[in-house]
């Protein structure tokens, strides 16, 4: 694999990992999750889980880093949704 491919992979992992972070920070700050769809959160969690398994099977470190971290963020959001909704 060339360096360009590696850089793109890690950049995608960085962006993908923190897609939901602003919503998480907002929820922690405002203690409000009423306008966040629980279906979307579950779909995000399932999606990240599937990508994590796929990345693990391929041995694709950027994909694994991104999606395992995103799983933690998704679970945290689901906990906040239950707590604040």
PDB file of N, CA and C in Angstrom:
ATOM      1  N   UNK A   1       0.853  -1.176   0.000  1.00  0.00           N
ATOM      2  CA  UNK A   1       0.000   0.000   0.000  1.00  0.00           C
ATOM      3  C   UNK A   1       0.901   1.241   0.000  1.00  0.00           C
ATOM      4  N   UNK A   2       0.553   2.216  -0.812  1.00  0.00           N
ATOM      5  CA  UNK A   2       1.402   3.404  -0.868  1.00  0.00           C
ATOM      6  C   UNK A   2       1.010   4.432   0.192  1.00  0.00           C
ATOM      7  N   UNK A   3       1.849   5.410   0.370  1.00  0.00           N
ATOM      8  CA  UNK A   3       1.667   6.416   1.429  1.00  0.00           C
ATOM      9  C   UNK A   3       0.396   7.238   1.203  1.00  0.00           C
ATOM     10  N   UNK A   4       0.072   7.526  -0.060  1.00  0.00           N
ATOM     11  CA  UNK A   4      -1.143   8.287  -0.370  1.00  0.00           C
ATOM     12  C   UNK A   4      -2.381   7.546   0.141  1.00  0.00           C
ATOM     13  N   UNK A   5      -2.451   6.263  -0.112  1.00  0.00           N
ATOM     14  CA  UNK A   5      -3.573   5.449   0.335  1.00  0.00           C
ATOM     15  C   UNK A   5      -3.661   5.444   1.855  1.00  0.00           C
ATOM     16  N   UNK A   6      -2.530   5.315   2.515  1.00  0.00           N
ATOM     17  CA  UNK A   6      -2.500   5.335   3.988  1.00  0.00           C
ATOM     18  C   UNK A   6      -2.990   6.672   4.531  1.00  0.00           C
ATOM     19  N   UNK A   7      -2.525   7.770   3.948  1.00  0.00           N
ATOM     20  CA  UNK A   7      -2.922   9.103   4.412  1.00  0.00           C
ATOM     21  C   UNK A   7      -4.426   9.292   4.233  1.00  0.00           C
ATOM     22  N   UNK A   8      -4.955   8.907   3.084  1.00  0.00           N
ATOM     23  CA  UNK A   8      -6.402   9.012   2.850  1.00  0.00           C
ATOM     24  C   UNK A   8      -7.168   8.167   3.868  1.00  0.00           C
ATOM     25  N   UNK A   9      -6.697   6.968   4.138  1.00  0.00           N
ATOM     26  CA  UNK A   9      -7.346   6.096   5.113  1.00  0.00           C
ATOM     27  C   UNK A   9      -7.389   6.713   6.498  1.00  0.00           C
ATOM     28  N   UNK A  10      -6.284   7.264   6.938  1.00  0.00           N
ATOM     29  CA  UNK A  10      -6.256   7.871   8.268  1.00  0.00           C
ATOM     30  C   UNK A  10      -7.062   9.164   8.329  1.00  0.00           C
ATOM     31  N   UNK A  11      -7.069   9.931   7.235  1.00  0.00           N
ATOM     32  CA  UNK A  11      -7.887  11.144   7.209  1.00  0.00           C
ATOM     33  C   UNK A  11      -9.376  10.786   7.289  1.00  0.00           C
ATOM     34  N   UNK A  12      -9.780   9.765   6.539  1.00  0.00           N
ATOM     35  CA  UNK A  12     -11.173   9.317   6.585  1.00  0.00           C
ATOM     36  C   UNK A  12     -11.523   8.811   7.977  1.00  0.00           C
ATOM     37  N   UNK A  13     -10.600   8.105   8.607  1.00  0.00           N
ATOM     38  CA  UNK A  13     -10.832   7.605   9.963  1.00  0.00           C
ATOM     39  C   UNK A  13     -11.020   8.763  10.939  1.00  0.00           C
ATOM     40  N   UNK A  14     -10.214   9.788  10.808  1.00  0.00           N
ATOM     41  CA  UNK A  14     -10.312  10.946  11.699  1.00  0.00           C
ATOM     42  C   UNK A  14     -11.655  11.650  11.526  1.00  0.00           C
ATOM     43  N   UNK A  15     -12.023  11.923  10.292  1.00  0.00           N
ATOM     44  CA  UNK A  15     -13.296  12.601  10.032  1.00  0.00           C
ATOM     45  C   UNK A  15     -14.470  11.717  10.460  1.00  0.00           C
ATOM     46  N   UNK A  16     -14.443  10.454  10.066  1.00  0.00           N
ATOM     47  CA  UNK A  16     -15.529   9.536  10.395  1.00  0.00           C
ATOM     48  C   UNK A  16     -15.721   9.338  11.878  1.00  0.00           C
ATOM     49  N   UNK A  17     -14.630   9.320  12.599  1.00  0.00           N
ATOM     50  CA  UNK A  17     -14.704   9.107  14.037  1.00  0.00           C
ATOM     51  C   UNK A  17     -15.433  10.243  14.734  1.00  0.00           C
ATOM     52  N   UNK A  18     -15.199  11.444  14.284  1.00  0.00           N
ATOM     53  CA  UNK A  18     -15.724  12.600  15.003  1.00  0.00           C
ATOM     54  C   UNK A  18     -16.952  13.233  14.362  1.00  0.00           C
ATOM     55  N   UNK A  19     -17.599  12.509  13.437  1.00  0.00           N
ATOM     56  CA  UNK A  19     -18.829  13.020  12.829  1.00  0.00           C
ATOM     57  C   UNK A  19     -19.899  13.330  13.866  1.00  0.00           C
ATOM     58  N   UNK A  20     -20.033  12.474  14.831  1.00  0.00           N
ATOM     59  CA  UNK A  20     -21.095  12.628  15.825  1.00  0.00           C
ATOM     60  C   UNK A  20     -20.617  13.345  17.090  1.00  0.00           C
ATOM     61  N   UNK A  21     -19.364  13.675  17.173  1.00  0.00           N
ATOM     62  CA  UNK A  21     -18.829  14.317  18.376  1.00  0.00           C
ATOM     63  C   UNK A  21     -19.484  15.663  18.685  1.00  0.00           C
ATOM     64  N   UNK A  22     -19.738  16.530  17.684  1.00  0.00           N
ATOM     65  CA  UNK A  22     -20.392  17.800  18.028  1.00  0.00           C
ATOM     66  C   UNK A  22     -21.748  17.604  18.694  1.00  0.00           C
ATOM     67  N   UNK A  23     -22.507  16.617  18.239  1.00  0.00           N
ATOM     68  CA  UNK A  23     -23.807  16.332  18.862  1.00  0.00           C
ATOM     69  C   UNK A  23     -23.626  15.852  20.295  1.00  0.00           C
ATOM     70  N   UNK A  24     -22.601  15.054  20.510  1.00  0.00           N
ATOM     71  CA  UNK A  24     -22.310  14.545  21.857  1.00  0.00           C
ATOM     72  C   UNK A  24     -21.942  15.696  22.794  1.00  0.00           C
ATOM     73  N   UNK A  25     -21.079  16.574  22.339  1.00  0.00           N
ATOM     74  CA  UNK A  25     -20.675  17.732  23.156  1.00  0.00           C
ATOM     75  C   UNK A  25     -21.882  18.614  23.456  1.00  0.00           C
ATOM     76  N   UNK A  26     -22.712  18.848  22.434  1.00  0.00           N
ATOM     77  CA  UNK A  26     -23.908  19.677  22.634  1.00  0.00           C
ATOM     78  C   UNK A  26     -24.842  19.046  23.669  1.00  0.00           C
ATOM     79  N   UNK A  27     -25.041  17.745  23.573  1.00  0.00           N
ATOM     80  CA  UNK A  27     -25.929  17.066  24.515  1.00  0.00           C
ATOM     81  C   UNK A  27     -25.389  17.141  25.937  1.00  0.00           C
ATOM     82  N   UNK A  28     -24.092  17.001  26.076  1.00  0.00           N
ATOM     83  CA  UNK A  28     -23.503  17.082  27.414  1.00  0.00           C
ATOM     84  C   UNK A  28     -23.612  18.498  27.966  1.00  0.00           C
ATOM     85  N   UNK A  29     -23.485  19.471  27.088  1.00  0.00           N
ATOM     86  CA  UNK A  29     -23.551  20.866  27.506  1.00  0.00           C
ATOM     87  C   UNK A  29     -24.978  21.288  27.872  1.00  0.00           C
ATOM     88  N   UNK A  30     -25.946  20.930  27.018  1.00  0.00           N
ATOM     89  CA  UNK A  30     -27.322  21.391  27.211  1.00  0.00           C
ATOM     90  C   UNK A  30     -28.182  20.430  28.028  1.00  0.00           C
ATOM     91  N   UNK A  31     -27.698  19.188  28.179  1.00  0.00           N
ATOM     92  CA  UNK A  31     -28.459  18.153  28.865  1.00  0.00           C
ATOM     93  C   UNK A  31     -29.829  17.965  28.202  1.00  0.00           C
ATOM     94  N   UNK A  32     -29.811  18.005  26.868  1.00  0.00           N
ATOM     95  CA  UNK A  32     -31.038  17.867  26.080  1.00  0.00           C
ATOM     96  C   UNK A  32     -30.764  16.987  24.862  1.00  0.00           C
ATOM     97  N   UNK A  33     -31.564  15.930  24.696  1.00  0.00           N
ATOM     98  CA  UNK A  33     -31.430  15.039  23.538  1.00  0.00           C
ATOM     99  C   UNK A  33     -32.780  14.789  22.873  1.00  0.00           C
ATOM    100  N   UNK A  34     -33.767  15.599  23.213  1.00  0.00           N
ATOM    101  CA  UNK A  34     -35.106  15.387  22.696  1.00  0.00           C
ATOM    102  C   UNK A  34     -35.212  15.463  21.190  1.00  0.00           C
ATOM    103  N   UNK A  35     -34.374  16.263  20.546  1.00  0.00           N
ATOM    104  CA  UNK A  35     -34.452  16.424  19.101  1.00  0.00           C
ATOM    105  C   UNK A  35     -33.543  15.463  18.329  1.00  0.00           C
ATOM    106  N   UNK A  36     -32.924  14.514  19.027  1.00  0.00           N
ATOM    107  CA  UNK A  36     -32.054  13.533  18.389  1.00  0.00           C
ATOM    108  C   UNK A  36     -32.819  12.219  18.261  1.00  0.00           C
ATOM    109  N   UNK A  37     -32.845  11.687  17.056  1.00  0.00           N
ATOM    110  CA  UNK A  37     -33.590  10.459  16.784  1.00  0.00           C
ATOM    111  C   UNK A  37     -32.875   9.235  17.349  1.00  0.00           C
ATOM    112  N   UNK A  38     -33.591   8.469  18.159  1.00  0.00           N
ATOM    113  CA  UNK A  38     -33.026   7.240  18.706  1.00  0.00           C
ATOM    114  C   UNK A  38     -32.812   6.215  17.591  1.00  0.00           C
ATOM    115  N   UNK A  39     -33.661   6.233  16.572  1.00  0.00           N
ATOM    116  CA  UNK A  39     -33.495   5.330  15.432  1.00  0.00           C
ATOM    117  C   UNK A  39     -32.181   5.637  14.708  1.00  0.00           C
ATOM    118  N   UNK A  40     -31.880   6.907  14.521  1.00  0.00           N
ATOM    119  CA  UNK A  40     -30.630   7.304  13.873  1.00  0.00           C
ATOM    120  C   UNK A  40     -29.430   6.862  14.709  1.00  0.00           C
ATOM    121  N   UNK A  41     -29.525   6.992  16.017  1.00  0.00           N
ATOM    122  CA  UNK A  41     -28.418   6.574  16.881  1.00  0.00           C
ATOM    123  C   UNK A  41     -28.192   5.068  16.791  1.00  0.00           C
ATOM    124  N   UNK A  42     -29.266   4.289  16.798  1.00  0.00           N
ATOM    125  CA  UNK A  42     -29.128   2.837  16.671  1.00  0.00           C
ATOM    126  C   UNK A  42     -28.590   2.463  15.291  1.00  0.00           C
ATOM    127  N   UNK A  43     -29.063   3.148  14.254  1.00  0.00           N
ATOM    128  CA  UNK A  43     -28.566   2.878  12.898  1.00  0.00           C
ATOM    129  C   UNK A  43     -27.075   3.192  12.808  1.00  0.00           C
ATOM    130  N   UNK A  44     -26.659   4.282  13.418  1.00  0.00           N
ATOM    131  CA  UNK A  44     -25.246   4.662  13.440  1.00  0.00           C
ATOM    132  C   UNK A  44     -24.421   3.603  14.175  1.00  0.00           C
ATOM    133  N   UNK A  45     -24.938   3.119  15.295  1.00  0.00           N
ATOM    134  CA  UNK A  45     -24.240   2.091  16.070  1.00  0.00           C
ATOM    135  C   UNK A  45     -24.110   0.792  15.267  1.00  0.00           C
ATOM    136  N   UNK A  46     -25.179   0.364  14.631  1.00  0.00           N
ATOM    137  CA  UNK A  46     -25.128  -0.852  13.818  1.00  0.00           C
ATOM    138  C   UNK A  46     -24.156  -0.676  12.658  1.00  0.00           C
ATOM    139  N   UNK A  47     -24.217   0.474  11.993  1.00  0.00           N
ATOM    140  CA  UNK A  47     -23.314   0.761  10.883  1.00  0.00           C
ATOM    141  C   UNK A  47     -21.856   0.700  11.326  1.00  0.00           C
ATOM    142  N   UNK A  48     -21.540   1.350  12.421  1.00  0.00           N
ATOM    143  CA  UNK A  48     -20.164   1.363  12.918  1.00  0.00           C
ATOM    144  C   UNK A  48     -19.710  -0.028  13.349  1.00  0.00           C
ATOM    145  N   UNK A  49     -20.620  -0.802  13.906  1.00  0.00           N
ATOM    146  CA  UNK A  49     -20.283  -2.171  14.302  1.00  0.00           C
ATOM    147  C   UNK A  49     -19.946  -3.017  13.082  1.00  0.00           C
ATOM    148  N   UNK A  50     -20.767  -2.903  12.047  1.00  0.00           N
ATOM    149  CA  UNK A  50     -20.505  -3.663  10.820  1.00  0.00           C
ATOM    150  C   UNK A  50     -19.180  -3.255  10.174  1.00  0.00           C
ATOM    151  N   UNK A  51     -18.909  -1.957  10.113  1.00  0.00           N
ATOM    152  CA  UNK A  51     -17.644  -1.483   9.554  1.00  0.00           C
ATOM    153  C   UNK A  51     -16.461  -1.922  10.414  1.00  0.00           C
ATOM    154  N   UNK A  52     -16.666  -1.989  11.718  1.00  0.00           N
ATOM    155  CA  UNK A  52     -15.596  -2.452  12.613  1.00  0.00           C
ATOM    156  C   UNK A  52     -15.248  -3.910  12.343  1.00  0.00           C
ATOM    157  N   UNK A  53     -16.266  -4.726  12.197  1.00  0.00           N
ATOM    158  CA  UNK A  53     -16.040  -6.141  11.907  1.00  0.00           C
ATOM    159  C   UNK A  53     -15.340  -6.286  10.561  1.00  0.00           C
ATOM    160  N   UNK A  54     -15.818  -5.570   9.571  1.00  0.00           N
ATOM    161  CA  UNK A  54     -15.220  -5.611   8.238  1.00  0.00           C
ATOM    162  C   UNK A  54     -13.759  -5.167   8.280  1.00  0.00           C
ATOM    163  N   UNK A  55     -13.497  -4.059   8.946  1.00  0.00           N
ATOM    164  CA  UNK A  55     -12.132  -3.559   9.068  1.00  0.00           C
ATOM    165  C   UNK A  55     -11.223  -4.530   9.796  1.00  0.00           C
ATOM    166  N   UNK A  56     -11.759  -5.182  10.814  1.00  0.00           N
ATOM    167  CA  UNK A  56     -10.984  -6.170  11.561  1.00  0.00           C
ATOM    168  C   UNK A  56     -10.650  -7.369  10.673  1.00  0.00           C
ATOM    169  N   UNK A  57     -11.636  -7.839   9.916  1.00  0.00           N
ATOM    170  CA  UNK A  57     -11.402  -8.974   9.021  1.00  0.00           C
ATOM    171  C   UNK A  57     -10.368  -8.649   7.941  1.00  0.00           C
ATOM    172  N   UNK A  58     -10.363  -7.388   7.487  1.00  0.00           N
ATOM    173  CA  UNK A  58      -9.388  -6.963   6.476  1.00  0.00           C
ATOM    174  C   UNK A  58      -8.036  -6.605   7.085  1.00  0.00           C
ATOM    175  N   UNK A  59      -8.025  -6.342   8.386  1.00  0.00           N
ATOM    176  CA  UNK A  59      -6.810  -5.862   9.025  1.00  0.00           C
ATOM    177  C   UNK A  59      -6.525  -4.411   8.685  1.00  0.00           C
ATOM    178  N   UNK A  60      -7.593  -3.638   8.421  1.00  0.00           N
ATOM    179  CA  UNK A  60      -7.472  -2.230   8.033  1.00  0.00           C
ATOM    180  C   UNK A  60      -7.498  -1.361   9.291  1.00  0.00           C
ATOM    181  N   UNK A  61      -6.330  -0.997   9.769  1.00  0.00           N
ATOM    182  CA  UNK A  61      -6.210  -0.251  11.021  1.00  0.00           C
ATOM    183  C   UNK A  61      -6.995   1.061  11.024  1.00  0.00           C
ATOM    184  N   UNK A  62      -6.935   1.894   9.968  1.00  0.00           N
ATOM    185  CA  UNK A  62      -7.722   3.136  10.017  1.00  0.00           C
ATOM    186  C   UNK A  62      -9.217   2.875  10.196  1.00  0.00           C
ATOM    187  N   UNK A  63      -9.729   1.883   9.502  1.00  0.00           N
ATOM    188  CA  UNK A  63     -11.148   1.549   9.612  1.00  0.00           C
ATOM    189  C   UNK A  63     -11.490   1.048  11.013  1.00  0.00           C
ATOM    190  N   UNK A  64     -10.596   0.278  11.599  1.00  0.00           N
ATOM    191  CA  UNK A  64     -10.838  -0.237  12.951  1.00  0.00           C
ATOM    192  C   UNK A  64     -10.807   0.893  13.966  1.00  0.00           C
ATOM    193  N   UNK A  65      -9.815   1.759  13.890  1.00  0.00           N
ATOM    194  CA  UNK A  65      -9.704   2.887  14.827  1.00  0.00           C
ATOM    195  C   UNK A  65     -10.956   3.750  14.757  1.00  0.00           C
ATOM    196  N   UNK A  66     -11.321   4.111  13.553  1.00  0.00           N
ATOM    197  CA  UNK A  66     -12.465   4.989  13.329  1.00  0.00           C
ATOM    198  C   UNK A  66     -13.741   4.394  13.907  1.00  0.00           C
ATOM    199  N   UNK A  67     -14.028   3.185  13.556  1.00  0.00           N
ATOM    200  CA  UNK A  67     -15.328   2.626  13.896  1.00  0.00           C
ATOM    201  C   UNK A  67     -15.427   2.125  15.322  1.00  0.00           C
ATOM    202  N   UNK A  68     -14.351   1.622  15.894  1.00  0.00           N
ATOM    203  CA  UNK A  68     -14.424   1.249  17.311  1.00  0.00           C
ATOM    204  C   UNK A  68     -14.595   2.491  18.179  1.00  0.00           C
ATOM    205  N   UNK A  69     -13.943   3.578  17.809  1.00  0.00           N
ATOM    206  CA  UNK A  69     -14.127   4.834  18.539  1.00  0.00           C
ATOM    207  C   UNK A  69     -15.548   5.358  18.339  1.00  0.00           C
ATOM    208  N   UNK A  70     -16.051   5.259  17.119  1.00  0.00           N
ATOM    209  CA  UNK A  70     -17.410   5.717  16.834  1.00  0.00           C
ATOM    210  C   UNK A  70     -18.450   4.897  17.600  1.00  0.00           C
ATOM    211  N   UNK A  71     -18.179   3.622  17.817  1.00  0.00           N
ATOM    212  CA  UNK A  71     -19.090   2.794  18.620  1.00  0.00           C
ATOM    213  C   UNK A  71     -19.198   3.355  20.035  1.00  0.00           C
ATOM    214  N   UNK A  72     -18.075   3.744  20.599  1.00  0.00           N
ATOM    215  CA  UNK A  72     -18.082   4.333  21.948  1.00  0.00           C
ATOM    216  C   UNK A  72     -18.905   5.617  21.955  1.00  0.00           C
ATOM    217  N   UNK A  73     -18.710   6.453  20.941  1.00  0.00           N
ATOM    218  CA  UNK A  73     -19.467   7.707  20.845  1.00  0.00           C
ATOM    219  C   UNK A  73     -20.959   7.412  20.711  1.00  0.00           C
ATOM    220  N   UNK A  74     -21.324   6.443  19.885  1.00  0.00           N
ATOM    221  CA  UNK A  74     -22.736   6.099  19.680  1.00  0.00           C
ATOM    222  C   UNK A  74     -23.369   5.576  20.969  1.00  0.00           C
ATOM    223  N   UNK A  75     -22.658   4.722  21.663  1.00  0.00           N
ATOM    224  CA  UNK A  75     -23.184   4.195  22.931  1.00  0.00           C
ATOM    225  C   UNK A  75     -23.350   5.325  23.943  1.00  0.00           C
ATOM    226  N   UNK A  76     -22.380   6.198  24.011  1.00  0.00           N
ATOM    227  CA  UNK A  76     -22.452   7.349  24.915  1.00  0.00           C
ATOM    228  C   UNK A  76     -23.678   8.200  24.580  1.00  0.00           C
ATOM    229  N   UNK A  77     -23.931   8.415  23.282  1.00  0.00           N
ATOM    230  CA  UNK A  77     -25.102   9.194  22.886  1.00  0.00           C
ATOM    231  C   UNK A  77     -26.405   8.487  23.258  1.00  0.00           C
ATOM    232  N   UNK A  78     -26.437   7.186  23.096  1.00  0.00           N
ATOM    233  CA  UNK A  78     -27.641   6.449  23.494  1.00  0.00           C
ATOM    234  C   UNK A  78     -27.888   6.554  24.991  1.00  0.00           C
ATOM    235  N   UNK A  79     -26.832   6.506  25.769  1.00  0.00           N
ATOM    236  CA  UNK A  79     -26.969   6.681  27.218  1.00  0.00           C
ATOM    237  C   UNK A  79     -27.500   8.064  27.534  1.00  0.00           C
ATOM    238  N   UNK A  80     -26.962   9.092  26.869  1.00  0.00           N
ATOM    239  CA  UNK A  80     -27.439  10.465  27.099  1.00  0.00           C
ATOM    240  C   UNK A  80     -28.877  10.638  26.630  1.00  0.00           C
ATOM    241  N   UNK A  81     -29.224   9.983  25.528  1.00  0.00           N
ATOM    242  CA  UNK A  81     -30.590  10.052  25.012  1.00  0.00           C
ATOM    243  C   UNK A  81     -31.562   9.505  26.064  1.00  0.00           C
ATOM    244  N   UNK A  82     -31.196   8.400  26.627  1.00  0.00           N
ATOM    245  CA  UNK A  82     -32.068   7.807  27.662  1.00  0.00           C
ATOM    246  C   UNK A  82     -32.127   8.699  28.911  1.00  0.00           C
ATOM    247  N   UNK A  83     -30.990   9.260  29.269  1.00  0.00           N
ATOM    248  CA  UNK A  83     -30.916  10.075  30.480  1.00  0.00           C
ATOM    249  C   UNK A  83     -31.634  11.412  30.329  1.00  0.00           C
ATOM    250  N   UNK A  84     -31.501  12.068  29.170  1.00  0.00           N
ATOM    251  CA  UNK A  84     -32.009  13.434  29.008  1.00  0.00           C
ATOM    252  C   UNK A  84     -33.310  13.558  28.220  1.00  0.00           C
ATOM    253  N   UNK A  85     -33.723  12.522  27.533  1.00  0.00           N
ATOM    254  CA  UNK A  85     -34.932  12.657  26.685  1.00  0.00           C
ATOM    255  C   UNK A  85     -36.208  12.578  27.524  1.00  0.00           C
TER     256      UNK A  85
END
